[in-house]
């Protein structure tokens, strides 16, 4: 029990006393992967998600690029995204 309190104290010190926001990198990767695999997936999430919903900045950047491709009526796939 004491070790858990020490770890929390270390984390709070490391992040300036702030708690880490909820995050799930696996879920973020799954959403991006689904958009790449299913051409209709972006249509399903475009009204629900925004780039700021992603915790990892690289995921946010990828999602923004996907949205730009979609807006230009270009296919959202690994070739056009690269």
C-alpha atoms as a PDB file:
ATOM      1  CA  UNK A   1       0.000   0.000   0.000  1.00  0.00           C
ATOM      2  CA  UNK A   2       2.768   2.430   0.868  1.00  0.00           C
ATOM      3  CA  UNK A   3       4.514   1.758  -2.440  1.00  0.00           C
ATOM      4  CA  UNK A   4       1.357   2.778  -4.347  1.00  0.00           C
ATOM      5  CA  UNK A   5       1.297   6.092  -2.534  1.00  0.00           C
ATOM      6  CA  UNK A   6       4.973   6.622  -3.349  1.00  0.00           C
ATOM      7  CA  UNK A   7       4.332   5.929  -7.034  1.00  0.00           C
ATOM      8  CA  UNK A   8       1.406   8.366  -7.110  1.00  0.00           C
ATOM      9  CA  UNK A   9       3.524  10.975  -5.369  1.00  0.00           C
ATOM     10  CA  UNK A  10       6.329  10.435  -7.906  1.00  0.00           C
ATOM     11  CA  UNK A  11       3.867  10.762 -10.793  1.00  0.00           C
ATOM     12  CA  UNK A  12       2.352  13.944  -9.372  1.00  0.00           C
ATOM     13  CA  UNK A  13       5.811  15.446  -8.954  1.00  0.00           C
ATOM     14  CA  UNK A  14       6.806  14.388 -12.462  1.00  0.00           C
ATOM     15  CA  UNK A  15       3.740  16.053 -14.001  1.00  0.00           C
ATOM     16  CA  UNK A  16       3.813  19.184 -11.884  1.00  0.00           C
ATOM     17  CA  UNK A  17       1.127  17.954  -9.497  1.00  0.00           C
ATOM     18  CA  UNK A  18      -1.305  17.366 -12.357  1.00  0.00           C
ATOM     19  CA  UNK A  19      -3.002  14.060 -12.925  1.00  0.00           C
ATOM     20  CA  UNK A  20      -2.712  12.327 -16.285  1.00  0.00           C
ATOM     21  CA  UNK A  21      -5.830  12.720 -18.430  1.00  0.00           C
ATOM     22  CA  UNK A  22      -7.623   9.564 -19.565  1.00  0.00           C
ATOM     23  CA  UNK A  23      -5.961   8.028 -22.586  1.00  0.00           C
ATOM     24  CA  UNK A  24      -6.073   4.859 -24.645  1.00  0.00           C
ATOM     25  CA  UNK A  25      -3.436   4.784 -27.394  1.00  0.00           C
ATOM     26  CA  UNK A  26      -4.628   1.369 -28.583  1.00  0.00           C
ATOM     27  CA  UNK A  27      -8.136   2.718 -29.177  1.00  0.00           C
ATOM     28  CA  UNK A  28      -6.706   5.711 -31.043  1.00  0.00           C
ATOM     29  CA  UNK A  29      -4.659   3.417 -33.284  1.00  0.00           C
ATOM     30  CA  UNK A  30      -7.720   1.245 -33.854  1.00  0.00           C
ATOM     31  CA  UNK A  31      -9.781   4.221 -35.030  1.00  0.00           C
ATOM     32  CA  UNK A  32      -7.057   5.351 -37.424  1.00  0.00           C
ATOM     33  CA  UNK A  33      -6.557   1.807 -38.686  1.00  0.00           C
ATOM     34  CA  UNK A  34     -10.287   1.357 -39.254  1.00  0.00           C
ATOM     35  CA  UNK A  35     -10.358   4.535 -41.330  1.00  0.00           C
ATOM     36  CA  UNK A  36      -7.527   3.177 -43.472  1.00  0.00           C
ATOM     37  CA  UNK A  37      -9.187  -0.222 -43.918  1.00  0.00           C
ATOM     38  CA  UNK A  38     -12.795   0.852 -44.474  1.00  0.00           C
ATOM     39  CA  UNK A  39     -13.492   3.692 -46.895  1.00  0.00           C
ATOM     40  CA  UNK A  40     -16.809   4.422 -45.145  1.00  0.00           C
ATOM     41  CA  UNK A  41     -15.353   4.560 -41.631  1.00  0.00           C
ATOM     42  CA  UNK A  42     -14.390   8.235 -41.871  1.00  0.00           C
ATOM     43  CA  UNK A  43     -17.988   9.083 -42.753  1.00  0.00           C
ATOM     44  CA  UNK A  44     -19.095   7.367 -39.546  1.00  0.00           C
ATOM     45  CA  UNK A  45     -16.675   9.260 -37.278  1.00  0.00           C
ATOM     46  CA  UNK A  46     -16.432  12.661 -38.945  1.00  0.00           C
ATOM     47  CA  UNK A  47     -19.330  14.088 -36.908  1.00  0.00           C
ATOM     48  CA  UNK A  48     -18.154  12.492 -33.662  1.00  0.00           C
ATOM     49  CA  UNK A  49     -14.388  12.995 -33.506  1.00  0.00           C
ATOM     50  CA  UNK A  50     -12.128  15.986 -33.867  1.00  0.00           C
ATOM     51  CA  UNK A  51      -8.345  15.962 -33.967  1.00  0.00           C
ATOM     52  CA  UNK A  52      -8.153  17.290 -30.385  1.00  0.00           C
ATOM     53  CA  UNK A  53      -9.929  14.140 -29.155  1.00  0.00           C
ATOM     54  CA  UNK A  54      -6.689  12.222 -29.684  1.00  0.00           C
ATOM     55  CA  UNK A  55      -4.304  12.274 -26.733  1.00  0.00           C
ATOM     56  CA  UNK A  56      -1.176  11.451 -28.746  1.00  0.00           C
ATOM     57  CA  UNK A  57      -0.239  14.369 -30.976  1.00  0.00           C
ATOM     58  CA  UNK A  58       0.947  12.084 -33.771  1.00  0.00           C
ATOM     59  CA  UNK A  59      -2.511  10.496 -33.885  1.00  0.00           C
ATOM     60  CA  UNK A  60      -4.070  13.935 -34.023  1.00  0.00           C
ATOM     61  CA  UNK A  61      -1.822  14.900 -36.945  1.00  0.00           C
ATOM     62  CA  UNK A  62      -2.690  11.708 -38.829  1.00  0.00           C
ATOM     63  CA  UNK A  63      -6.411  12.260 -38.256  1.00  0.00           C
ATOM     64  CA  UNK A  64      -6.167  15.855 -39.493  1.00  0.00           C
ATOM     65  CA  UNK A  65      -4.402  14.627 -42.648  1.00  0.00           C
ATOM     66  CA  UNK A  66      -7.166  12.060 -43.165  1.00  0.00           C
ATOM     67  CA  UNK A  67      -9.805  14.776 -42.854  1.00  0.00           C
ATOM     68  CA  UNK A  68      -7.997  16.972 -45.376  1.00  0.00           C
ATOM     69  CA  UNK A  69      -7.869  14.109 -47.871  1.00  0.00           C
ATOM     70  CA  UNK A  70     -11.545  13.399 -47.308  1.00  0.00           C
ATOM     71  CA  UNK A  71     -12.441  17.072 -47.803  1.00  0.00           C
ATOM     72  CA  UNK A  72     -10.546  17.062 -51.105  1.00  0.00           C
ATOM     73  CA  UNK A  73     -12.517  13.959 -52.169  1.00  0.00           C
ATOM     74  CA  UNK A  74      -9.289  11.955 -52.299  1.00  0.00           C
ATOM     75  CA  UNK A  75      -9.052   8.355 -51.111  1.00  0.00           C
ATOM     76  CA  UNK A  76      -7.908   7.968 -47.521  1.00  0.00           C
ATOM     77  CA  UNK A  77      -5.364   5.184 -47.709  1.00  0.00           C
ATOM     78  CA  UNK A  78      -1.750   4.517 -46.828  1.00  0.00           C
ATOM     79  CA  UNK A  79      -0.492   5.758 -50.216  1.00  0.00           C
ATOM     80  CA  UNK A  80      -2.280   9.116 -50.184  1.00  0.00           C
ATOM     81  CA  UNK A  81      -1.623   9.595 -46.485  1.00  0.00           C
ATOM     82  CA  UNK A  82       2.151   9.106 -46.823  1.00  0.00           C
END
